[in-house]
Structures are given as C-alpha cells and as structure tokens.
Amino acid sequence: MTSAESSDTPLALKPRATWRESMAVYLQPRVLIVLLLGFSSGLPLALSGSTLLVWMRESGVDLGTIGLFALVGTPYTLKFLWAPLVDALHVPLFTRRFGRRRGWLVFSQLLLIAAILLLALTDPARSPLFVALGALLVAAMSSTQDIVVDAFRVESLPESEQAAGMASYVAAYRIGMLVSTVGALYFVTGFEELGYARPAAWAAGYIVMAALVGIGIVTTLLATEPEKSVAAAAEHAAHPENPLKRVAKTAYGAFAEFLTRDAAVVILVFVVFYKFCDAFAGIMTAPFVIDLGFTRTDYANIVKGAGLAATLIGGFAGGALARAYPLATVLWVGAILQMASNLMFSWQAMVGLNHWALIVTIVVENFTGAIGTVIFVAYLSALCKNPLHTATQFALLTALAAVGRTYLSAGAGYLAAATGWPLFFALSALTALPGLVLLAWLQRRGHFATLVSKI
C-alpha cells in the first residue's frame, strides 16, 4: 500500500454525514454559543474604524488626520504578542468564578464596554488625540476578546463541529459589523431626530453599541467552560510557578510544540499561500469596479446587499461541506472555487459596465471566498489541539495567514497596471498554484489523516 493510500484510509472509513445532519449541527447549543460570541466579536471592529471615521469627518477633522487613524487597527495585527498572557495567566476573581476561558471572556468584554463608553465621551472636533487613545483601547480590548473567543471555540467544539462553528461565527461576525456600521449610523440619526445635538447623538449611539456588548457577556454566562480548558487549568494548578515564567514558557512552548511536528515548515508555508489567490485579487476589487465606471454607491450597495447575503450563505455551505466530507477534500474544493472565482472578474472586465454582471461576479466571489475561509479556519483549528497553547498558536497562525493579504499582495496594483484588468485576474488565478501543490504534498504525506485521527 502506498503512503497516499494509507493516508486516505482513515478518512475513507469516516461515516459521511447526510445533508440533514450537516445542517442540524447549527442548532447544537455549543455552535449557537459560538454564533452569539461571533456577534460580540464583530460588533466593536467598525467602532474604532469606519463608523468612527464618519463621526470624525462630520466633526470637521481634516483628511490627513483621519488617514492616520488606520494605525488604530494595529492591535488586531499584533494580538499574537499578548496571546500567551491569555493562555498562561488567570484573571483574579474572574477565573475562580467563571473558569479559565470564560473568566477571560467576561473580563475582556467588561473592559471593552468601558473602552467604548470612554470613546463615546470624547470629542473629535476638540481632541483628536483623545479620540485616538480611546479608539486604540477599543481595538486592544476587541482583539483580546477575539483571542479568547478563538481559543474557546477551538476547545469547546469537537472536530466534526469546527467548520459549522466557524460558519456561524463568520455569519454573526458580519452581522455584528453591520450593526456597528449601518445600525450605529441609524441610531445616531434617530437621536438627532429626537432633538439631540450632533455630538450628543454620536455619544448616545456609541453608548447603545456598548450596551450591545452585553449580548456577549450573557452568552458567556450561559456557556460552559470547555473540558480541555478545565484540564489545562488543572495542569497549571498542579505545577504552580512564577506568572512571568509561565508566560515565557507558554510562548516558547507554543512555538516549540508546533515546530517539532512532522512537516511543520511546509504546513506554515501552506498557511501563508492557501488564501493568497483570494487576497491577491481581492485587494484590487474596489479600484477595478470604479475603473469600469461604477459609482462607489453602486459598489457599496451590491457588496453590502448581494455580497453580504452570498457571504453568509457561503459560510454555512462551507460548514456543511466540511461536516459531510474529509478535511483534505473540502480544502481542495475551497481552493479550486477561489481560483475559479478570480476568472469571474476577467469576465466582468470584458462585459464592462453592467450592473447585473457585477451582481453575479460579487455573489460568486463572496460565496466562494466564504466557503474557502470557513474551511481554512476549520483546518487552522484542527492544528491547535494543545489547550495550554490554543490562544497563542491560533493567533500566530492567523497572523501568518495575513502575510499573503498584507505583504505578498502589495505588488498587485503594479501587475494590474502592466497587464490590464482581464489578464491581471487571469494571472491572479495562477497564484493559487503554490497552495495547490503544497496541499497535494501534505495530503500524500498523510498530514490531514493524522489531524483527524488525533481528534
């Protein structure tokens, strides 16, 4: 028997879930808890981003200062630096009362509410610096909540529910973002219509958003501590040590444990390249649409409407696929769909200014991208099985996955300028090839079967 055959055997014997069973998983209490936590994670993002920038512009803040506020998002990029604190340390009173993960969740959510309330009390017209500090605190507390939610989700869901949990999380995350963008703006307008002055209306809108974080707190209180986290807490109790030493040991252990795995370097490179195809084309989507002659309103309406619906449906479809088929199989499906969706933009470039064509293109792109994202994050979750290092390893892997989007895609604009849009998107589809080659290599080595057999 070849290595390829032996690696496929455990997966071939795995009972295939029916579609009814695949959809029923979304009603599991554990998955519903993750869904509500996804809303809590998505809610704060725009409050230190796009919604805040609207408030600042209406307050007369100059464009140069507004542009600098992109730096406020730094905590989301660097959150892996303090993820070891979440794995290694207990929060006084909170951990004893709620448990290791739930204690951190309640603690970070309370701090998030305080940060949003502090931001609500600032005045962009008079003190942009204080607004920046408030926004930075919101981003820091929000990213800390993300660290804990990711660890909680990975540890509380069995492998068969990971993709469904991630699909629910992504859907609720997008809804949370929608509430803190469109919803927040509607609240501000409503308060103005009630007679509030504009600064007071914005403050009241942010206070409402802070109150909505309470959904996450209630969800946390209703949840149960993951068994894996309880085991890790017992391990800490059995081996008490200096907190700083434990943090350093956790950070080192997260790296060392991962790098001692078979084909660790190849796995890390695969993490970088799996979503690269999607990111390389995605970074140029907005300028491409504008170049074709669509207005920014056209783009916003289609993306927020049809695009959002396609993303939500694609996320649930990805979760159902991952439950019904082996991990390696759905990774192939996700990669090929993402590759094919780039070619839709080549078709759009040839069609030109046609709103129905753009709707089809955006729906296909968002639907396939959501499938790929859910499947990919399910894979990342399967890599993080040591409860002593879950938060740290997942934060590191997601930061590594962002390399393709943040750095490797930086030259996409130059390629588009040199080749023109139809050829650019055709070439962007080829950026999927490194990920496909690595996927084939890892599958032949039995990597995915090993992940499943350990769960």
Protein backbone atom coordinates (compact mmCIF):
# COMPACT_ATOMS: atom_id res chain seq x y z
CA MET A 1 0.00 0.00 0.00
CA THR A 2 1.40 3.41 -0.93
CA SER A 3 1.72 6.29 1.50
CA ALA A 4 -1.05 8.09 -0.36
CA GLU A 5 -3.38 5.13 0.02
CA SER A 6 -2.61 4.65 3.69
CA SER A 7 -3.15 8.34 4.39
CA ASP A 8 -6.59 8.20 2.83
CA THR A 9 -7.77 5.07 4.62
CA PRO A 10 -8.94 6.65 7.92
CA LEU A 11 -10.83 9.30 6.00
CA ALA A 12 -12.43 6.81 3.65
CA LEU A 13 -13.79 4.87 6.62
CA LYS A 14 -15.22 8.02 8.21
CA PRO A 15 -19.06 7.90 8.04
CA ARG A 16 -20.35 10.60 5.72
CA ALA A 17 -22.91 12.85 7.34
CA THR A 18 -26.18 13.40 5.50
CA TRP A 19 -27.08 16.96 4.50
CA ARG A 20 -29.84 16.95 7.12
CA GLU A 21 -27.28 16.03 9.78
CA SER A 22 -24.88 18.61 8.36
CA MET A 23 -27.45 21.38 8.75
CA ALA A 24 -28.74 20.16 12.13
CA VAL A 25 -25.30 20.79 13.64
CA TYR A 26 -26.04 24.53 13.56
CA LEU A 27 -28.70 24.01 16.24
CA GLN A 28 -26.27 22.38 18.66
CA PRO A 29 -26.01 24.51 21.85
CA ARG A 30 -22.22 24.70 21.52
CA VAL A 31 -22.50 26.05 17.98
CA LEU A 32 -25.19 28.56 18.97
CA ILE A 33 -22.92 29.84 21.74
CA VAL A 34 -20.13 30.36 19.20
CA LEU A 35 -22.58 32.15 16.89
CA LEU A 36 -23.50 34.69 19.57
CA LEU A 37 -19.85 35.18 20.50
CA GLY A 38 -19.20 35.89 16.82
CA PHE A 39 -21.65 38.79 17.00
CA SER A 40 -19.85 40.13 20.06
CA SER A 41 -16.51 39.88 18.22
CA GLY A 42 -17.74 41.61 15.06
CA LEU A 43 -19.52 44.46 16.82
CA PRO A 44 -16.53 46.57 18.00
CA LEU A 45 -14.49 46.49 14.78
CA ALA A 46 -16.18 49.41 13.00
CA LEU A 47 -16.45 51.45 16.21
CA SER A 48 -12.71 52.13 16.01
CA GLY A 49 -12.77 52.06 12.19
CA SER A 50 -15.24 53.14 9.51
CA THR A 51 -18.02 54.37 11.84
CA LEU A 52 -15.54 56.41 13.85
CA LEU A 53 -14.16 57.96 10.65
CA VAL A 54 -17.66 59.11 9.64
CA TRP A 55 -18.04 60.74 13.07
CA MET A 56 -14.66 62.46 12.72
CA ARG A 57 -15.37 63.76 9.21
CA GLU A 58 -18.75 65.14 10.29
CA SER A 59 -16.93 66.85 13.17
CA GLY A 60 -14.63 68.63 10.70
CA VAL A 61 -11.44 66.65 11.28
CA ASP A 62 -9.04 67.02 8.33
CA LEU A 63 -8.46 64.13 5.94
CA GLY A 64 -4.77 63.84 6.85
CA THR A 65 -5.58 63.17 10.49
CA ILE A 66 -8.36 60.77 9.52
CA GLY A 67 -5.92 58.82 7.33
CA LEU A 68 -3.57 58.32 10.28
CA PHE A 69 -6.36 56.54 12.15
CA ALA A 70 -5.65 53.45 10.06
CA LEU A 71 -2.90 52.83 12.64
CA VAL A 72 -5.57 52.31 15.29
CA GLY A 73 -6.07 48.82 13.87
CA THR A 74 -2.55 47.75 14.87
CA PRO A 75 -3.72 45.64 17.87
CA TYR A 76 -5.63 43.33 15.50
CA THR A 77 -2.37 42.61 13.66
CA LEU A 78 -0.15 42.22 16.71
CA LYS A 79 -2.54 40.41 19.03
CA PHE A 80 -0.36 37.28 18.94
CA LEU A 81 2.17 39.18 21.09
CA TRP A 82 -0.09 39.09 24.16
CA ALA A 83 -1.96 35.89 23.35
CA PRO A 84 0.43 33.97 25.69
CA LEU A 85 -0.98 36.03 28.57
CA VAL A 86 -4.43 34.59 27.84
CA ASP A 87 -3.07 31.05 27.78
CA ALA A 88 -0.77 31.35 30.78
CA LEU A 89 -2.39 33.70 33.29
CA HIS A 90 -5.57 33.59 35.32
CA VAL A 91 -7.63 36.74 35.94
CA PRO A 92 -8.11 37.24 39.69
CA LEU A 93 -11.72 36.67 40.79
CA PHE A 94 -12.95 36.10 37.22
CA THR A 95 -11.09 32.83 36.65
CA ARG A 96 -12.13 31.48 40.04
CA ARG A 97 -15.78 32.38 39.41
CA PHE A 98 -16.18 31.53 35.72
CA GLY A 99 -13.25 29.35 34.70
CA ARG A 100 -10.10 29.88 32.64
CA ARG A 101 -11.61 30.83 29.24
CA ARG A 102 -14.95 32.23 30.43
CA GLY A 103 -13.17 34.34 33.06
CA TRP A 104 -11.00 35.96 30.39
CA LEU A 105 -14.08 36.44 28.20
CA VAL A 106 -16.10 38.29 30.83
CA PHE A 107 -13.04 40.34 31.83
CA SER A 108 -12.24 41.40 28.25
CA GLN A 109 -15.90 42.15 27.49
CA LEU A 110 -16.27 44.39 30.54
CA LEU A 111 -13.10 46.26 29.56
CA LEU A 112 -14.44 46.54 26.01
CA ILE A 113 -17.65 48.14 27.27
CA ALA A 114 -15.60 50.59 29.34
CA ALA A 115 -13.41 51.46 26.33
CA ILE A 116 -16.43 52.10 24.07
CA LEU A 117 -18.02 54.30 26.75
CA LEU A 118 -14.75 56.21 27.09
CA LEU A 119 -14.67 56.73 23.31
CA ALA A 120 -18.28 57.94 23.44
CA LEU A 121 -17.24 60.72 25.82
CA THR A 122 -14.56 62.12 23.52
CA ASP A 123 -14.98 64.97 21.03
CA PRO A 124 -13.25 64.53 17.64
CA ALA A 125 -13.51 68.26 16.88
CA ARG A 126 -11.67 69.30 20.04
CA SER A 127 -9.36 66.42 20.93
CA PRO A 128 -8.45 64.01 18.11
CA LEU A 129 -5.62 62.68 20.28
CA PHE A 130 -8.02 61.52 22.99
CA VAL A 131 -10.23 60.02 20.30
CA ALA A 132 -7.20 58.09 19.02
CA LEU A 133 -6.39 56.82 22.51
CA GLY A 134 -10.00 55.78 23.05
CA ALA A 135 -10.13 54.03 19.67
CA LEU A 136 -6.84 52.28 20.40
CA LEU A 137 -8.25 50.98 23.68
CA VAL A 138 -11.37 49.71 21.89
CA ALA A 139 -9.21 47.92 19.31
CA ALA A 140 -6.97 46.43 22.02
CA MET A 141 -9.90 45.13 24.09
CA SER A 142 -11.69 43.90 20.97
CA SER A 143 -8.65 41.98 19.74
CA THR A 144 -8.19 40.49 23.22
CA GLN A 145 -11.80 39.29 23.14
CA ASP A 146 -11.07 37.78 19.69
CA ILE A 147 -8.10 35.85 21.13
CA VAL A 148 -10.25 34.33 23.87
CA VAL A 149 -13.24 33.60 21.60
CA ASP A 150 -10.99 31.78 19.12
CA ALA A 151 -9.50 29.67 21.90
CA PHE A 152 -12.95 29.00 23.41
CA ARG A 153 -14.34 27.94 20.02
CA VAL A 154 -11.45 25.60 19.21
CA GLU A 155 -11.55 23.97 22.65
CA SER A 156 -15.32 23.67 23.06
CA LEU A 157 -16.24 22.21 19.66
CA PRO A 158 -15.38 18.68 18.52
CA GLU A 159 -13.68 18.35 15.13
CA SER A 160 -16.97 17.45 13.42
CA GLU A 161 -18.47 20.80 14.52
CA GLN A 162 -15.46 23.08 13.95
CA ALA A 163 -16.43 24.16 10.42
CA ALA A 164 -20.06 24.67 11.40
CA GLY A 165 -18.95 26.69 14.39
CA MET A 166 -16.74 28.83 12.20
CA ALA A 167 -19.53 29.33 9.65
CA SER A 168 -21.84 30.50 12.44
CA TYR A 169 -19.09 32.70 13.84
CA VAL A 170 -18.38 34.34 10.46
CA ALA A 171 -22.08 34.96 9.78
CA ALA A 172 -22.67 36.53 13.19
CA TYR A 173 -19.39 38.48 12.94
CA ARG A 174 -20.59 40.08 9.69
CA ILE A 175 -23.95 40.89 11.28
CA GLY A 176 -22.14 42.46 14.24
CA MET A 177 -20.12 44.61 11.83
CA LEU A 178 -23.32 45.60 10.03
CA VAL A 179 -24.92 46.64 13.32
CA SER A 180 -21.91 48.80 14.25
CA THR A 181 -21.81 50.47 10.82
CA VAL A 182 -25.28 50.84 9.29
CA GLY A 183 -27.02 50.25 12.63
CA ALA A 184 -24.90 52.77 14.52
CA LEU A 185 -25.48 55.42 11.85
CA TYR A 186 -29.23 54.85 12.04
CA PHE A 187 -29.11 55.19 15.82
CA VAL A 188 -27.20 58.49 15.56
CA THR A 189 -29.72 59.80 13.01
CA GLY A 190 -32.58 58.70 15.25
CA PHE A 191 -31.15 60.52 18.26
CA GLU A 192 -30.73 63.68 16.16
CA GLU A 193 -34.39 63.45 15.13
CA LEU A 194 -35.28 63.23 18.83
CA GLY A 195 -33.60 66.61 19.33
CA TYR A 196 -30.09 65.61 20.39
CA ALA A 197 -27.25 67.85 19.23
CA ARG A 198 -24.90 66.07 16.82
CA PRO A 199 -22.09 65.43 19.40
CA ALA A 200 -24.63 64.11 21.92
CA ALA A 201 -26.27 61.95 19.24
CA TRP A 202 -22.93 60.34 18.39
CA ALA A 203 -22.17 59.76 22.07
CA ALA A 204 -25.61 58.18 22.55
CA GLY A 205 -25.09 55.96 19.51
CA TYR A 206 -21.81 54.64 20.93
CA ILE A 207 -23.46 54.06 24.32
CA VAL A 208 -26.03 51.85 22.58
CA MET A 209 -23.20 49.92 20.91
CA ALA A 210 -21.52 49.45 24.32
CA ALA A 211 -24.78 48.07 25.69
CA LEU A 212 -24.95 45.53 22.83
CA VAL A 213 -21.65 44.04 24.01
CA GLY A 214 -23.82 42.76 26.85
CA ILE A 215 -25.04 40.07 24.43
CA GLY A 216 -21.55 38.60 24.56
CA ILE A 217 -21.48 38.71 28.36
CA VAL A 218 -24.85 36.97 28.67
CA THR A 219 -23.69 34.36 26.16
CA THR A 220 -20.52 33.74 28.15
CA LEU A 221 -22.51 33.32 31.36
CA LEU A 222 -24.79 30.79 29.66
CA ALA A 223 -21.85 28.84 28.21
CA THR A 224 -19.93 26.09 29.98
CA GLU A 225 -16.17 26.01 30.36
CA PRO A 226 -14.54 23.74 27.72
CA GLU A 227 -13.32 20.43 29.16
CA LYS A 228 -9.91 20.97 27.55
CA SER A 229 -9.58 24.31 29.33
CA VAL A 230 -10.51 22.69 32.65
CA ALA A 231 -7.74 20.16 32.08
CA ALA A 232 -5.25 22.94 31.31
CA ALA A 233 -6.28 24.81 34.46
CA ALA A 234 -5.69 21.65 36.47
CA GLU A 235 -2.25 21.37 34.88
CA HIS A 236 -1.45 24.93 35.95
CA ALA A 237 -2.67 24.22 39.48
CA ALA A 238 -0.57 21.07 39.70
CA HIS A 239 2.57 22.97 38.66
CA PRO A 240 2.43 26.45 40.22
CA GLU A 241 5.16 28.83 39.08
CA ASN A 242 6.04 32.48 38.68
CA PRO A 243 3.50 34.19 36.36
CA LEU A 244 6.16 35.79 34.16
CA LYS A 245 7.97 32.48 33.86
CA ARG A 246 4.73 30.77 32.90
CA VAL A 247 4.03 33.38 30.18
CA ALA A 248 7.53 32.94 28.74
CA LYS A 249 7.20 29.17 28.96
CA THR A 250 3.82 29.30 27.19
CA ALA A 251 5.14 31.49 24.37
CA TYR A 252 8.17 29.25 23.88
CA GLY A 253 6.10 26.08 24.20
CA ALA A 254 3.59 27.23 21.56
CA PHE A 255 6.41 27.65 19.02
CA ALA A 256 8.40 24.59 20.06
CA GLU A 257 5.42 22.24 20.15
CA PHE A 258 4.37 23.25 16.66
CA LEU A 259 7.83 23.22 15.09
CA THR A 260 8.51 19.65 16.29
CA ARG A 261 5.58 18.34 14.23
CA ASP A 262 6.13 16.47 11.01
CA ALA A 263 6.49 18.83 8.01
CA ALA A 264 5.98 21.87 10.27
CA VAL A 265 7.69 24.32 7.91
CA VAL A 266 5.66 23.11 4.92
CA ILE A 267 2.46 23.47 6.97
CA LEU A 268 3.37 27.08 7.83
CA VAL A 269 4.09 27.89 4.18
CA PHE A 270 0.77 26.30 3.21
CA VAL A 271 -0.99 28.52 5.75
CA VAL A 272 0.53 31.56 4.02
CA PHE A 273 -0.44 30.50 0.49
CA TYR A 274 -3.86 28.85 0.82
CA LYS A 275 -5.81 32.14 0.76
CA PHE A 276 -3.22 34.05 -1.26
CA CYS A 277 -5.15 33.69 -4.53
CA ASP A 278 -8.26 35.18 -2.93
CA ALA A 279 -6.31 38.03 -1.30
CA PHE A 280 -4.27 38.91 -4.40
CA ALA A 281 -7.39 39.58 -6.46
CA GLY A 282 -9.43 40.92 -3.56
CA ILE A 283 -7.11 43.82 -2.86
CA MET A 284 -7.80 45.21 -6.35
CA THR A 285 -11.56 44.58 -6.47
CA ALA A 286 -12.67 48.09 -5.42
CA PRO A 287 -10.41 50.06 -7.82
CA PHE A 288 -11.34 47.62 -10.61
CA VAL A 289 -15.06 48.30 -10.11
CA ILE A 290 -14.50 52.06 -10.07
CA ASP A 291 -12.33 51.87 -13.21
CA LEU A 292 -15.18 50.15 -15.07
CA GLY A 293 -17.38 53.18 -14.41
CA PHE A 294 -19.47 52.02 -11.46
CA THR A 295 -20.03 54.56 -8.71
CA ARG A 296 -18.91 53.92 -5.16
CA THR A 297 -22.62 53.80 -4.24
CA ASP A 298 -23.16 51.05 -6.81
CA TYR A 299 -20.29 49.09 -5.33
CA ALA A 300 -21.35 49.65 -1.72
CA ASN A 301 -24.96 48.66 -2.37
CA ILE A 302 -24.02 45.48 -4.22
CA VAL A 303 -21.34 44.45 -1.72
CA LYS A 304 -23.46 45.24 1.35
CA GLY A 305 -26.56 43.65 -0.16
CA ALA A 306 -25.97 40.76 -2.53
CA GLY A 307 -22.37 40.34 -1.39
CA LEU A 308 -23.27 40.07 2.29
CA ALA A 309 -26.04 37.55 1.59
CA ALA A 310 -23.66 35.46 -0.55
CA THR A 311 -21.05 35.56 2.22
CA LEU A 312 -23.50 34.33 4.84
CA ILE A 313 -24.84 31.55 2.62
CA GLY A 314 -21.32 30.58 1.52
CA GLY A 315 -20.19 30.36 5.13
CA PHE A 316 -22.96 27.94 6.06
CA ALA A 317 -22.37 25.97 2.85
CA GLY A 318 -18.68 25.68 3.77
CA GLY A 319 -19.62 24.40 7.21
CA ALA A 320 -21.96 21.81 5.73
CA LEU A 321 -19.31 20.65 3.24
CA ALA A 322 -16.70 20.29 5.97
CA ARG A 323 -19.05 18.17 8.04
CA ALA A 324 -20.05 15.95 5.11
CA TYR A 325 -16.59 15.34 3.57
CA PRO A 326 -12.99 14.77 4.74
CA LEU A 327 -10.84 17.80 5.56
CA ALA A 328 -8.44 17.32 2.63
CA THR A 329 -11.35 17.02 0.18
CA VAL A 330 -13.01 20.26 1.27
CA LEU A 331 -9.67 22.09 1.24
CA TRP A 332 -9.39 21.10 -2.44
CA VAL A 333 -12.95 22.31 -3.07
CA GLY A 334 -12.30 25.64 -1.38
CA ALA A 335 -9.02 26.24 -3.20
CA ILE A 336 -10.43 25.45 -6.65
CA LEU A 337 -13.55 27.56 -6.10
CA GLN A 338 -11.43 30.54 -5.04
CA MET A 339 -9.23 30.09 -8.09
CA ALA A 340 -12.26 29.93 -10.41
CA SER A 341 -13.90 32.99 -8.84
CA ASN A 342 -10.95 35.16 -9.93
CA LEU A 343 -11.80 34.31 -13.53
CA MET A 344 -15.25 35.84 -12.98
CA PHE A 345 -13.55 39.21 -12.72
CA SER A 346 -11.84 38.63 -16.07
CA TRP A 347 -15.31 38.02 -17.49
CA GLN A 348 -16.58 41.18 -15.77
CA ALA A 349 -13.73 43.19 -17.28
CA MET A 350 -14.79 42.08 -20.76
CA VAL A 351 -18.50 42.72 -20.09
CA GLY A 352 -17.78 46.19 -18.71
CA LEU A 353 -20.34 48.48 -17.09
CA ASN A 354 -23.22 46.09 -16.44
CA HIS A 355 -24.87 46.07 -13.02
CA TRP A 356 -26.35 42.58 -13.31
CA ALA A 357 -22.98 41.18 -14.34
CA LEU A 358 -21.38 42.87 -11.32
CA ILE A 359 -24.00 41.36 -9.01
CA VAL A 360 -23.22 37.89 -10.38
CA THR A 361 -19.47 38.47 -10.06
CA ILE A 362 -19.67 39.78 -6.49
CA VAL A 363 -22.05 36.99 -5.43
CA VAL A 364 -19.75 34.30 -6.84
CA GLU A 365 -16.66 35.91 -5.28
CA ASN A 366 -18.23 36.33 -1.84
CA PHE A 367 -19.86 32.89 -1.87
CA THR A 368 -16.68 31.01 -2.84
CA GLY A 369 -14.49 33.18 -0.61
CA ALA A 370 -16.70 32.43 2.41
CA ILE A 371 -16.54 28.69 1.70
CA GLY A 372 -12.75 28.87 1.49
CA THR A 373 -12.48 30.93 4.67
CA VAL A 374 -14.65 28.61 6.78
CA ILE A 375 -12.83 25.51 5.55
CA PHE A 376 -9.42 27.11 6.05
CA VAL A 377 -10.17 28.25 9.60
CA ALA A 378 -11.51 24.77 10.38
CA TYR A 379 -8.10 23.48 9.29
CA LEU A 380 -6.27 26.05 11.46
CA SER A 381 -8.46 25.00 14.38
CA ALA A 382 -7.52 21.36 13.82
CA LEU A 383 -3.85 22.37 14.13
CA CYS A 384 -4.41 23.87 17.60
CA LYS A 385 -5.10 20.90 19.84
CA ASN A 386 -2.96 21.59 22.91
CA PRO A 387 -5.18 23.50 25.40
CA LEU A 388 -2.07 25.00 27.02
CA HIS A 389 -1.28 26.85 23.77
CA THR A 390 -4.59 27.21 21.89
CA ALA A 391 -4.90 31.00 22.04
CA THR A 392 -1.23 31.59 21.22
CA GLN A 393 -1.00 29.14 18.34
CA PHE A 394 -4.26 30.23 16.73
CA ALA A 395 -3.28 33.91 16.96
CA LEU A 396 0.11 33.09 15.41
CA LEU A 397 -1.43 31.05 12.58
CA THR A 398 -3.98 33.75 11.72
CA ALA A 399 -1.23 36.38 11.75
CA LEU A 400 0.80 34.18 9.41
CA ALA A 401 -2.22 33.71 7.15
CA ALA A 402 -2.45 37.51 6.88
CA VAL A 403 1.03 37.68 5.33
CA GLY A 404 -0.39 36.90 1.89
CA ARG A 405 -3.05 39.59 2.22
CA THR A 406 -0.82 42.22 3.78
CA TYR A 407 2.59 41.81 2.18
CA LEU A 408 2.60 39.35 -0.74
CA SER A 409 -0.35 41.15 -2.39
CA ALA A 410 1.34 44.54 -2.21
CA GLY A 411 2.52 44.35 -5.83
CA ALA A 412 -0.92 43.51 -7.27
CA GLY A 413 -1.51 47.09 -8.40
CA TYR A 414 1.71 47.18 -10.44
CA LEU A 415 0.77 43.92 -12.17
CA ALA A 416 -2.73 45.24 -12.95
CA ALA A 417 -1.28 48.44 -14.42
CA ALA A 418 1.14 46.47 -16.58
CA THR A 419 -1.28 43.83 -17.89
CA GLY A 420 -4.77 45.34 -17.87
CA TRP A 421 -7.73 44.00 -15.90
CA PRO A 422 -8.72 40.88 -17.90
CA LEU A 423 -5.20 39.45 -17.93
CA PHE A 424 -4.49 40.54 -14.35
CA PHE A 425 -7.36 38.49 -12.93
CA ALA A 426 -6.48 35.52 -15.13
CA LEU A 427 -2.91 35.67 -13.80
CA SER A 428 -4.20 36.14 -10.24
CA ALA A 429 -5.92 32.76 -10.53
CA LEU A 430 -2.49 31.20 -11.05
CA THR A 431 -1.37 32.42 -7.62
CA ALA A 432 -3.43 29.51 -6.27
CA LEU A 433 -0.93 27.02 -7.69
CA PRO A 434 1.64 27.12 -4.82
CA GLY A 435 -1.14 26.35 -2.34
CA LEU A 436 -2.48 23.51 -4.50
CA VAL A 437 0.98 21.95 -4.84
CA LEU A 438 1.52 22.13 -1.07
CA LEU A 439 -1.97 20.73 -0.46
CA ALA A 440 -1.22 17.73 -2.69
CA TRP A 441 2.14 17.17 -0.97
CA LEU A 442 0.64 17.31 2.53
CA GLN A 443 -2.21 15.00 1.56
CA ARG A 444 0.17 12.44 0.10
CA ARG A 445 2.25 12.58 3.28
CA GLY A 446 -0.85 11.74 5.35
CA HIS A 447 -0.92 15.07 7.17
CA PHE A 448 -4.72 15.50 7.16
CA ALA A 449 -5.42 11.91 8.19
CA THR A 450 -3.10 12.46 11.17
CA LEU A 451 -5.07 15.51 12.22
CA VAL A 452 -8.36 13.63 12.11
CA SER A 453 -7.03 10.57 13.91
CA LYS A 454 -5.79 12.68 16.81
CA ILE A 455 -9.16 14.24 17.47
